[in-house]
Amino acid sequence: MRVLPLLLLLSLLSFPVPSGPNYSNETTGSEVFLRRDSLNPKNLRVLLPIYIRLQALEKSNITLWESVPQNFSDHVATIDSRVLAMFIPSNSLSFNLSRDTVGNLWTASNYSLNAGDYISTVIWVSSETIGENLTSPGFVPFPKDYPDSVKTFLDPGRKMPVKTQAIQEIAANYNKTQNMTQTVKSTLDFVSEQEYDREKTRLLMSGNLNTTDILDFFEDAIEVLETHSSICIERSWCAAAILRAAGVPTRTVTDVRLKTWIQVWLGRECGWVDAEALCVQPPPMFPRPLSSSTPWMIENSSDAAFPFTWLPKVRMRVANLTFGDVSLFDVKQYRTVLSEPIDAELFRNDPTKFSFPIVFKPEIVYAALTKQGSHLTFSLFNGNENVSKTLTIGEPSSVALGDVAVSFKPVHQENFLVLQDFVVWEIWKFDVRILVPVVGVPVALVVVLLFWKKRRQSR
């Protein structure tokens, strides 16, 4: 019987961990495992699962686009993000990687679905903020012109009706000082007066959202102003629309916990600076700290965007965005793994920070892909036990540790390693207990037969 690699999720609330850094759990819509450096509490590496589960509500052929987390750097922070493993479901017909104009990396997976079929993807990403600058930009005058790469973030968009009268009037009140920094602060104060729409968040995370387009679920800037109620992504779009109308290039960032904030471009010296408007106290954060954030996607055009979408726009159910329902997981759903190999020296310094769990029976077996020059290695380890194998691109490989074996064929794509035909199974081993029924039953029958025969002779 094959071992189910993702049965580790049965134990999310009591996640067993190897010796090393101290671990603690936080819950922010999905389970988060924080790995803290015991010597320097300021260094925080986060191991996060990103889960998307969709259900087709009609027969269709679609392409699922999903953003892949990667390294991030701007005025506020430098964040080291590594995709340890992205599990792509076995019903994917094909997939490829591509980048948009901002630099986001996207997977495009093709599916042929019947009504009721599911798509599920899981990403294990390891992330750490290795530098942070929270100094205020101070006085920043509006420039006479903008770089071509920035101009697009002054344009109207689907959820950012920059040219409407209501947005233009609000913006006119906030750019009179000719100070971009003050314009940002005033706009954040204005949108932070919004009420928090808890019901919308509940519906998004409930698994009962049916739509042909995930963006249709959210309100645009005008609707937000009319209802005076919003969630973070809607509030960010509203702030972005006002700031664009005021002449401040603005875009959005969404992290792996589906938290969204804005980035404003404050001249060539500062570049992009993070900011957040909250519906509750404390006041809006500008610059916004990113020490516990793992960015998933930067808005990839002048329009609003979301970390995943599908084409064509057929009816789908956003069935789950958390790991709450363990009955959803089945090893048969995942036959391809996309991984960003970790530098071997970096991995040796602390393996627990750069490994992903694949098996739970009854304890977790960890895996890691590392590189040293042109050499690629796949490793399995469990406590003090470990085994490694050097990989050859294009040739099938298998690795076994204890009762667990993994097989796959590695191929290159972009800077990632794709493990095709990825299978995990339990190695059958001889158990002496098997001899009990095999030997014991015949012996018992012989004893009974002799007893019965002797008893007949004695009569």
Protein backbone atom coordinates (compact mmCIF):
# COMPACT_ATOMS: atom_id res chain seq x y z
CA MET A 1 0.00 0.00 0.00
CA ARG A 2 1.44 3.36 -0.96
CA VAL A 3 2.14 5.90 1.72
CA LEU A 4 0.22 9.15 1.38
CA PRO A 5 2.82 11.93 1.27
CA LEU A 6 0.52 14.62 2.52
CA LEU A 7 -0.96 12.78 5.49
CA LEU A 8 1.37 14.91 7.58
CA LEU A 9 -1.49 17.39 7.50
CA LEU A 10 -3.42 15.23 9.96
CA SER A 11 -1.13 16.71 12.56
CA LEU A 12 -1.12 20.41 11.71
CA LEU A 13 -1.94 21.56 15.21
CA SER A 14 0.73 19.39 16.81
CA PHE A 15 3.39 19.57 14.11
CA PRO A 16 6.27 17.26 15.15
CA VAL A 17 9.65 18.80 14.42
CA PRO A 18 13.27 17.69 14.49
CA SER A 19 15.73 19.09 16.97
CA GLY A 20 17.12 22.53 16.12
CA PRO A 21 15.40 25.94 16.13
CA ASN A 22 12.44 26.59 18.38
CA TYR A 23 9.04 26.31 16.68
CA SER A 24 5.72 27.95 17.42
CA ASN A 25 2.34 27.98 15.69
CA GLU A 26 0.24 30.90 14.54
CA THR A 27 -3.06 30.82 12.71
CA THR A 28 -3.98 33.55 10.23
CA GLY A 29 -6.49 31.86 7.96
CA SER A 30 -4.13 28.95 7.30
CA GLU A 31 -1.69 27.08 9.50
CA VAL A 32 1.68 28.78 9.76
CA PHE A 33 4.84 27.19 11.07
CA LEU A 34 7.36 29.74 12.31
CA ARG A 35 10.98 28.69 12.60
CA ARG A 36 12.88 31.00 14.92
CA ASP A 37 16.64 31.33 15.24
CA SER A 38 17.30 30.69 18.94
CA LEU A 39 20.46 32.81 18.89
CA ASN A 40 18.95 35.85 17.21
CA PRO A 41 15.18 36.26 17.65
CA LYS A 42 15.14 39.02 15.02
CA ASN A 43 15.98 36.50 12.30
CA LEU A 44 12.73 34.83 11.40
CA ARG A 45 12.41 32.14 8.75
CA VAL A 46 8.87 31.09 7.97
CA LEU A 47 7.83 27.80 6.42
CA LEU A 48 4.41 28.29 4.87
CA PRO A 49 2.06 26.06 2.89
CA ILE A 50 0.09 27.72 0.08
CA TYR A 51 -2.97 25.71 -0.83
CA ILE A 52 -5.43 26.24 -3.67
CA ARG A 53 -8.32 23.87 -4.32
CA LEU A 54 -10.84 24.60 -7.06
CA GLN A 55 -13.81 22.58 -8.30
CA ALA A 56 -15.14 22.75 -11.86
CA LEU A 57 -18.88 23.44 -11.95
CA GLU A 58 -19.14 22.69 -15.67
CA LYS A 59 -17.25 20.68 -18.27
CA SER A 60 -14.37 22.73 -19.63
CA ASN A 61 -10.76 22.93 -20.74
CA ILE A 62 -8.95 25.58 -18.69
CA THR A 63 -5.53 26.96 -17.87
CA LEU A 64 -4.88 27.69 -14.20
CA TRP A 65 -2.43 30.55 -13.67
CA GLU A 66 -0.75 30.66 -10.27
CA SER A 67 2.01 32.97 -9.05
CA VAL A 68 5.15 31.40 -7.58
CA PRO A 69 6.79 33.20 -4.58
CA GLN A 70 10.34 34.44 -5.15
CA ASN A 71 12.95 36.80 -3.74
CA PHE A 72 11.70 40.30 -3.01
CA SER A 73 13.53 43.62 -2.57
CA ASP A 74 12.40 47.25 -2.36
CA HIS A 75 13.00 50.37 -0.22
CA VAL A 76 11.61 48.69 2.90
CA ALA A 77 12.87 45.12 2.88
CA THR A 78 14.90 42.37 1.28
CA ILE A 79 13.22 38.98 1.62
CA ASP A 80 14.80 35.65 0.77
CA SER A 81 12.07 33.29 -0.44
CA ARG A 82 12.71 29.74 -1.64
CA VAL A 83 10.15 27.43 -3.21
CA LEU A 84 11.04 24.13 -1.59
CA ALA A 85 8.29 22.22 -3.37
CA MET A 86 5.26 22.98 -5.49
CA PHE A 87 3.02 19.93 -5.86
CA ILE A 88 1.19 19.95 -9.18
CA PRO A 89 -1.79 17.59 -9.45
CA SER A 90 -1.68 14.46 -11.58
CA ASN A 91 -4.66 15.56 -13.69
CA SER A 92 -2.60 18.42 -15.11
CA LEU A 93 -2.10 17.76 -18.83
CA SER A 94 0.93 20.08 -19.08
CA PHE A 95 2.42 23.14 -17.46
CA ASN A 96 5.06 25.80 -18.10
CA LEU A 97 6.68 28.76 -16.38
CA SER A 98 6.70 32.37 -17.57
CA ARG A 99 7.37 35.87 -16.24
CA ASP A 100 5.25 38.99 -16.56
CA THR A 101 6.49 42.54 -17.10
CA VAL A 102 6.97 43.18 -13.37
CA GLY A 103 8.98 39.97 -12.85
CA ASN A 104 6.37 37.73 -11.25
CA LEU A 105 6.86 34.05 -12.06
CA TRP A 106 3.71 32.16 -13.06
CA THR A 107 2.85 28.52 -13.64
CA ALA A 108 0.29 27.83 -16.34
CA SER A 109 -1.25 24.36 -15.96
CA ASN A 110 -3.72 22.94 -18.46
CA TYR A 111 -6.68 20.76 -17.47
CA SER A 112 -9.57 19.00 -19.13
CA LEU A 113 -12.30 18.89 -16.49
CA ASN A 114 -15.73 17.41 -16.07
CA ALA A 115 -18.27 19.02 -13.76
CA GLY A 116 -17.27 18.12 -10.21
CA ASP A 117 -13.56 17.59 -10.90
CA TYR A 118 -11.02 19.23 -8.58
CA ILE A 119 -7.71 21.01 -9.04
CA SER A 120 -5.42 21.15 -5.99
CA THR A 121 -1.95 22.66 -5.70
CA VAL A 122 0.35 22.89 -2.67
CA ILE A 123 3.46 25.07 -2.36
CA TRP A 124 5.95 24.86 0.53
CA VAL A 125 7.84 28.16 0.65
CA SER A 126 10.65 29.07 3.07
CA SER A 127 11.10 32.80 3.63
CA GLU A 128 13.13 35.17 5.77
CA THR A 129 13.39 38.97 5.91
CA ILE A 130 17.13 39.60 5.89
CA GLY A 131 17.05 43.42 5.81
CA GLU A 132 14.51 46.09 6.72
CA ASN A 133 14.46 49.88 6.46
CA LEU A 134 11.53 51.63 8.14
CA THR A 135 12.82 55.21 7.95
CA SER A 136 10.28 57.69 6.61
CA PRO A 137 11.02 58.97 3.09
CA GLY A 138 10.45 62.53 4.32
CA PHE A 139 9.64 65.26 1.78
CA VAL A 140 9.46 63.85 -1.76
CA PRO A 141 8.40 66.33 -4.49
CA PHE A 142 6.27 65.18 -7.40
CA PRO A 143 8.64 64.52 -10.33
CA LYS A 144 8.35 66.23 -13.70
CA ASP A 145 8.33 62.85 -15.43
CA TYR A 146 8.24 59.15 -14.58
CA PRO A 147 10.23 56.16 -15.88
CA ASP A 148 8.37 54.18 -18.53
CA SER A 149 8.24 51.15 -16.22
CA VAL A 150 6.42 53.26 -13.61
CA LYS A 151 3.96 55.21 -15.79
CA THR A 152 1.66 52.21 -16.16
CA PHE A 153 0.89 52.41 -12.44
CA LEU A 154 -0.80 55.78 -12.94
CA ASP A 155 -3.36 54.32 -15.36
CA PRO A 156 -6.97 53.34 -14.64
CA GLY A 157 -7.66 49.65 -14.12
CA ARG A 158 -10.56 47.28 -13.81
CA LYS A 159 -10.82 47.75 -10.04
CA MET A 160 -9.16 51.19 -10.03
CA PRO A 161 -11.45 53.72 -11.76
CA VAL A 162 -8.88 56.51 -11.62
CA LYS A 163 -10.70 58.86 -14.05
CA THR A 164 -14.08 58.93 -12.28
CA GLN A 165 -15.21 62.21 -10.74
CA ALA A 166 -15.46 60.85 -7.18
CA ILE A 167 -11.87 59.56 -7.21
CA GLN A 168 -10.54 62.72 -8.89
CA GLU A 169 -12.18 64.98 -6.29
CA ILE A 170 -10.73 63.02 -3.36
CA ALA A 171 -7.28 62.97 -4.96
CA ALA A 172 -7.36 66.73 -5.55
CA ASN A 173 -7.64 67.29 -1.79
CA TYR A 174 -4.49 65.30 -1.07
CA ASN A 175 -1.88 66.47 -3.58
CA LYS A 176 -2.04 70.21 -2.90
CA THR A 177 1.13 70.15 -0.79
CA GLN A 178 3.20 68.82 -3.73
CA ASN A 179 4.70 66.35 -1.27
CA MET A 180 4.24 62.74 -2.41
CA THR A 181 4.86 61.44 1.11
CA GLN A 182 2.15 63.61 2.62
CA THR A 183 -0.26 62.67 -0.16
CA VAL A 184 0.26 58.99 0.69
CA LYS A 185 -0.27 59.58 4.42
CA SER A 186 -3.46 61.59 3.86
CA THR A 187 -4.89 58.94 1.52
CA LEU A 188 -4.08 56.15 4.00
CA ASP A 189 -5.81 58.06 6.80
CA PHE A 190 -8.87 58.44 4.58
CA VAL A 191 -9.25 54.81 3.52
CA SER A 192 -8.43 53.47 7.00
CA GLU A 193 -11.82 54.78 8.15
CA GLN A 194 -13.43 51.88 6.27
CA GLU A 195 -15.18 49.17 8.24
CA TYR A 196 -13.82 45.63 8.03
CA ASP A 197 -16.09 43.29 6.03
CA ARG A 198 -15.77 40.10 8.06
CA GLU A 199 -18.55 38.36 6.15
CA LYS A 200 -16.67 38.69 2.86
CA THR A 201 -13.53 37.21 4.40
CA ARG A 202 -15.58 34.36 5.84
CA LEU A 203 -17.15 33.60 2.44
CA LEU A 204 -13.78 33.70 0.67
CA MET A 205 -12.30 31.18 3.11
CA SER A 206 -15.43 29.03 3.50
CA GLY A 207 -14.99 26.98 0.33
CA ASN A 208 -18.41 28.04 -0.97
CA LEU A 209 -17.42 30.83 -3.36
CA ASN A 210 -18.75 30.13 -6.89
CA THR A 211 -17.57 32.47 -9.65
CA THR A 212 -16.34 32.68 -13.22
CA ASP A 213 -13.70 35.22 -12.21
CA ILE A 214 -12.10 35.56 -8.77
CA LEU A 215 -11.84 39.35 -9.23
CA ASP A 216 -15.63 39.62 -9.58
CA PHE A 217 -15.93 38.66 -5.91
CA PHE A 218 -14.25 41.89 -4.81
CA GLU A 219 -15.56 45.48 -4.99
CA ASP A 220 -13.83 48.22 -6.97
CA ALA A 221 -12.79 51.57 -5.48
CA ILE A 222 -16.16 53.30 -6.15
CA GLU A 223 -18.14 50.45 -4.57
CA VAL A 224 -15.84 50.54 -1.55
CA LEU A 225 -16.48 54.26 -1.10
CA GLU A 226 -20.24 53.70 -1.40
CA THR A 227 -20.46 50.80 1.06
CA HIS A 228 -17.79 52.16 3.44
CA SER A 229 -16.87 48.52 4.06
CA SER A 230 -13.98 46.49 2.66
CA ILE A 231 -11.31 43.88 3.16
CA CYS A 232 -7.59 44.48 2.70
CA ILE A 233 -7.42 43.88 -1.06
CA GLU A 234 -10.40 46.16 -1.75
CA ARG A 235 -9.07 48.85 0.55
CA SER A 236 -5.70 48.63 -1.18
CA TRP A 237 -7.33 49.05 -4.61
CA CYS A 238 -9.26 52.05 -3.31
CA ALA A 239 -6.09 53.70 -1.96
CA ALA A 240 -4.27 52.87 -5.20
CA ALA A 241 -6.99 54.48 -7.34
CA ILE A 242 -6.89 57.69 -5.29
CA LEU A 243 -3.10 57.85 -5.26
CA ARG A 244 -2.86 57.24 -9.01
CA ALA A 245 -5.35 60.03 -9.58
CA ALA A 246 -3.18 62.24 -7.34
CA GLY A 247 -0.07 61.45 -9.39
CA VAL A 248 1.56 58.84 -7.12
CA PRO A 249 2.34 55.59 -9.00
CA THR A 250 0.81 52.80 -6.91
CA ARG A 251 0.53 49.04 -7.16
CA THR A 252 -0.50 46.21 -4.83
CA VAL A 253 1.31 43.28 -3.22
CA THR A 254 -0.39 40.11 -1.97
CA ASP A 255 1.40 37.72 0.37
CA VAL A 256 0.99 33.99 0.89
CA ARG A 257 -1.62 34.53 3.60
CA LEU A 258 -3.73 36.57 1.13
CA LYS A 259 -2.93 39.80 2.94
CA THR A 260 -2.73 42.71 0.47
CA TRP A 261 -1.07 46.13 0.83
CA ILE A 262 0.16 48.86 -1.51
CA GLN A 263 3.52 49.99 -2.85
CA VAL A 264 4.00 53.64 -3.81
CA TRP A 265 6.79 54.89 -6.07
CA LEU A 266 8.46 57.89 -4.42
CA GLY A 267 11.04 58.99 -6.96
CA ARG A 268 14.20 57.36 -8.22
CA GLU A 269 16.03 57.64 -4.88
CA CYS A 270 13.39 55.80 -2.84
CA GLY A 271 11.76 53.64 -5.48
CA TRP A 272 8.89 51.46 -4.29
CA VAL A 273 7.88 51.88 -0.63
CA ASP A 274 5.36 49.62 1.16
CA ALA A 275 2.32 51.05 2.94
CA GLU A 276 -0.82 49.63 4.54
CA ALA A 277 -4.17 51.07 5.53
CA LEU A 278 -5.86 49.25 8.39
CA CYS A 279 -9.56 49.17 9.26
CA VAL A 280 -8.66 49.02 12.94
CA GLN A 281 -6.13 50.71 15.17
CA PRO A 282 -3.18 51.28 15.20
CA PRO A 283 -3.06 54.00 12.49
CA PRO A 284 -1.96 53.18 8.92
CA MET A 285 1.59 51.85 8.62
CA PHE A 286 3.87 53.80 6.28
CA PRO A 287 6.42 52.46 5.64
CA ARG A 288 4.90 49.05 6.30
CA PRO A 289 7.19 46.50 8.06
CA LEU A 290 7.65 43.24 6.16
CA SER A 291 9.52 41.19 8.78
CA SER A 292 6.82 38.49 8.87
CA SER A 293 5.59 38.74 5.28
CA THR A 294 6.19 36.36 2.40
CA PRO A 295 5.15 38.16 -0.82
CA TRP A 296 3.32 35.96 -3.29
CA MET A 297 2.60 38.37 -6.15
CA ILE A 298 3.14 41.99 -7.13
CA GLU A 299 0.33 43.44 -9.21
CA ASN A 300 1.36 42.49 -12.74
CA SER A 301 -0.10 45.38 -14.73
CA SER A 302 -1.81 48.73 -14.33
CA ASP A 303 -4.94 46.71 -13.56
CA ALA A 304 -5.77 44.86 -10.35
CA ALA A 305 -4.58 41.26 -10.13
CA PHE A 306 -4.81 38.19 -7.90
CA PRO A 307 -2.25 35.41 -7.23
CA PHE A 308 -4.29 32.87 -9.17
CA THR A 309 -6.88 32.89 -11.94
CA TRP A 310 -8.15 30.66 -14.73
CA LEU A 311 -8.93 31.02 -18.43
CA PRO A 312 -11.41 30.83 -20.04
CA LYS A 313 -13.78 32.28 -17.46
CA VAL A 314 -15.90 29.23 -16.68
CA ARG A 315 -17.75 28.60 -13.44
CA MET A 316 -15.48 27.34 -10.67
CA ARG A 317 -15.85 26.89 -6.93
CA VAL A 318 -13.02 28.17 -4.75
CA ALA A 319 -13.25 25.07 -2.62
CA ASN A 320 -10.45 25.68 -0.14
CA LEU A 321 -7.61 28.10 0.56
CA THR A 322 -6.45 26.49 3.82
CA PHE A 323 -5.27 23.12 5.09
CA GLY A 324 -8.28 22.68 7.32
CA ASP A 325 -9.83 19.61 5.67
CA VAL A 326 -7.36 16.73 5.63
CA SER A 327 -9.81 14.50 3.75
CA LEU A 328 -8.89 16.46 0.62
CA PHE A 329 -5.35 15.06 0.42
CA ASP A 330 -4.43 12.04 -1.66
CA VAL A 331 -1.03 11.18 -3.09
CA LYS A 332 -2.68 10.32 -6.40
CA GLN A 333 -3.44 14.02 -6.84
CA TYR A 334 0.25 14.95 -7.07
CA ARG A 335 2.66 13.51 -9.61
CA THR A 336 4.87 16.52 -10.38
CA VAL A 337 7.00 18.59 -8.01
CA LEU A 338 8.54 21.94 -8.88
CA SER A 339 11.49 22.89 -6.65
CA GLU A 340 14.12 25.61 -6.40
CA PRO A 341 17.34 23.79 -5.37
CA ILE A 342 19.04 25.23 -2.28
CA ASP A 343 22.76 26.01 -2.22
CA ALA A 344 24.42 23.01 -0.53
CA GLU A 345 26.45 25.08 1.95
CA LEU A 346 23.40 27.08 2.97
CA PHE A 347 21.48 23.85 3.46
CA ARG A 348 24.22 22.26 5.58
CA ASN A 349 24.19 25.24 7.96
CA ASP A 350 20.59 24.49 8.93
CA PRO A 351 18.78 21.71 7.02
CA THR A 352 15.50 22.20 8.90
CA LYS A 353 15.04 25.63 7.31
CA PHE A 354 15.23 24.36 3.74
CA SER A 355 13.36 21.05 3.69
CA PHE A 356 9.78 20.13 2.96
CA PRO A 357 7.72 17.33 4.54
CA ILE A 358 6.35 14.63 2.26
CA VAL A 359 5.33 11.66 4.40
CA PHE A 360 3.58 11.15 7.73
CA LYS A 361 3.66 7.55 9.00
CA PRO A 362 3.56 8.14 11.92
CA GLU A 363 6.32 10.77 11.77
CA ILE A 364 7.40 13.23 9.12
CA VAL A 365 10.03 12.38 6.55
CA TYR A 366 11.71 15.47 5.12
CA ALA A 367 13.10 16.00 1.63
CA ALA A 368 15.41 18.61 0.13
CA LEU A 369 16.91 19.44 -3.24
CA THR A 370 20.36 21.03 -3.10
CA LYS A 371 22.97 22.16 -5.59
CA GLN A 372 26.73 22.59 -5.47
CA GLY A 373 28.00 23.99 -8.73
CA SER A 374 26.38 21.87 -11.41
CA HIS A 375 25.77 18.94 -9.05
CA LEU A 376 22.19 18.36 -7.90
CA THR A 377 21.32 16.19 -4.90
CA PHE A 378 18.03 14.85 -3.55
CA SER A 379 18.02 14.01 0.17
CA LEU A 380 15.65 12.30 2.57
CA PHE A 381 16.13 12.52 6.32
CA ASN A 382 14.33 11.58 9.48
CA GLY A 383 15.96 12.42 12.80
CA ASN A 384 19.53 11.15 12.70
CA GLU A 385 18.90 9.03 9.61
CA ASN A 386 19.51 10.47 6.15
CA VAL A 387 20.27 9.39 2.62
CA SER A 388 21.25 11.40 -0.46
CA LYS A 389 21.57 10.75 -4.16
CA THR A 390 23.22 12.77 -6.91
CA LEU A 391 20.80 13.41 -9.75
CA THR A 392 21.33 13.26 -13.50
CA ILE A 393 18.99 15.45 -15.52
CA GLY A 394 16.61 13.39 -17.62
CA GLU A 395 17.38 10.05 -15.94
CA PRO A 396 14.89 8.35 -13.55
CA SER A 397 16.03 8.28 -9.90
CA SER A 398 14.86 6.61 -6.71
CA VAL A 399 15.84 7.23 -3.09
CA ALA A 400 14.88 5.11 -0.08
CA LEU A 401 15.07 5.79 3.65
CA GLY A 402 13.80 3.22 6.10
CA ASP A 403 10.38 2.10 4.94
CA VAL A 404 9.93 4.98 2.48
CA ALA A 405 10.99 5.22 -1.15
CA VAL A 406 10.67 8.11 -3.61
CA SER A 407 11.07 7.94 -7.38
CA PHE A 408 10.98 10.63 -10.10
CA LYS A 409 12.67 11.93 -13.25
CA PRO A 410 14.37 15.36 -12.86
CA VAL A 411 14.27 17.94 -15.68
CA HIS A 412 15.25 21.63 -15.82
CA GLN A 413 12.80 24.48 -16.40
CA GLU A 414 13.77 28.12 -15.79
CA ASN A 415 15.87 28.06 -12.58
CA PHE A 416 13.75 25.26 -11.17
CA LEU A 417 14.03 21.51 -11.08
CA VAL A 418 10.91 19.64 -12.12
CA LEU A 419 10.48 16.15 -10.66
CA GLN A 420 8.27 14.31 -13.11
CA ASP A 421 6.43 11.05 -12.28
CA PHE A 422 6.95 11.79 -8.57
CA VAL A 423 5.82 8.79 -6.52
CA VAL A 424 6.23 7.94 -2.81
CA TRP A 425 5.54 4.45 -1.51
CA GLU A 426 6.13 2.21 1.48
CA ILE A 427 8.80 -0.44 1.10
CA TRP A 428 7.54 -3.89 2.02
CA LYS A 429 9.72 -5.61 4.61
CA PHE A 430 9.48 -9.10 6.09
CA ASP A 431 7.80 -9.07 9.48
CA VAL A 432 8.42 -12.12 11.71
CA ARG A 433 4.89 -11.70 13.03
CA ILE A 434 3.68 -12.98 9.69
CA LEU A 435 4.98 -16.42 10.76
CA VAL A 436 2.49 -16.59 13.63
CA PRO A 437 -0.56 -17.36 11.46
CA VAL A 438 1.51 -19.13 8.78
CA VAL A 439 3.17 -21.58 11.21
CA GLY A 440 0.78 -21.45 14.13
CA VAL A 441 -2.40 -22.46 12.30
CA PRO A 442 -0.97 -25.69 10.76
CA VAL A 443 0.62 -26.67 14.10
CA ALA A 444 -2.67 -26.11 15.88
CA LEU A 445 -4.48 -28.21 13.28
CA VAL A 446 -1.96 -31.02 13.71
CA VAL A 447 -2.36 -30.93 17.50
CA VAL A 448 -6.15 -31.03 17.20
CA LEU A 449 -5.94 -33.88 14.67
CA LEU A 450 -3.63 -35.96 16.91
CA PHE A 451 -5.82 -35.31 19.94
CA TRP A 452 -8.92 -36.34 18.01
CA LYS A 453 -7.18 -39.48 16.65
CA LYS A 454 -5.91 -40.52 20.08
CA ARG A 455 -9.31 -40.02 21.59
CA ARG A 456 -10.93 -42.29 18.95
CA GLN A 457 -8.35 -45.02 19.60
CA SER A 458 -9.02 -44.92 23.34
CA ARG A 459 -12.71 -45.71 22.85
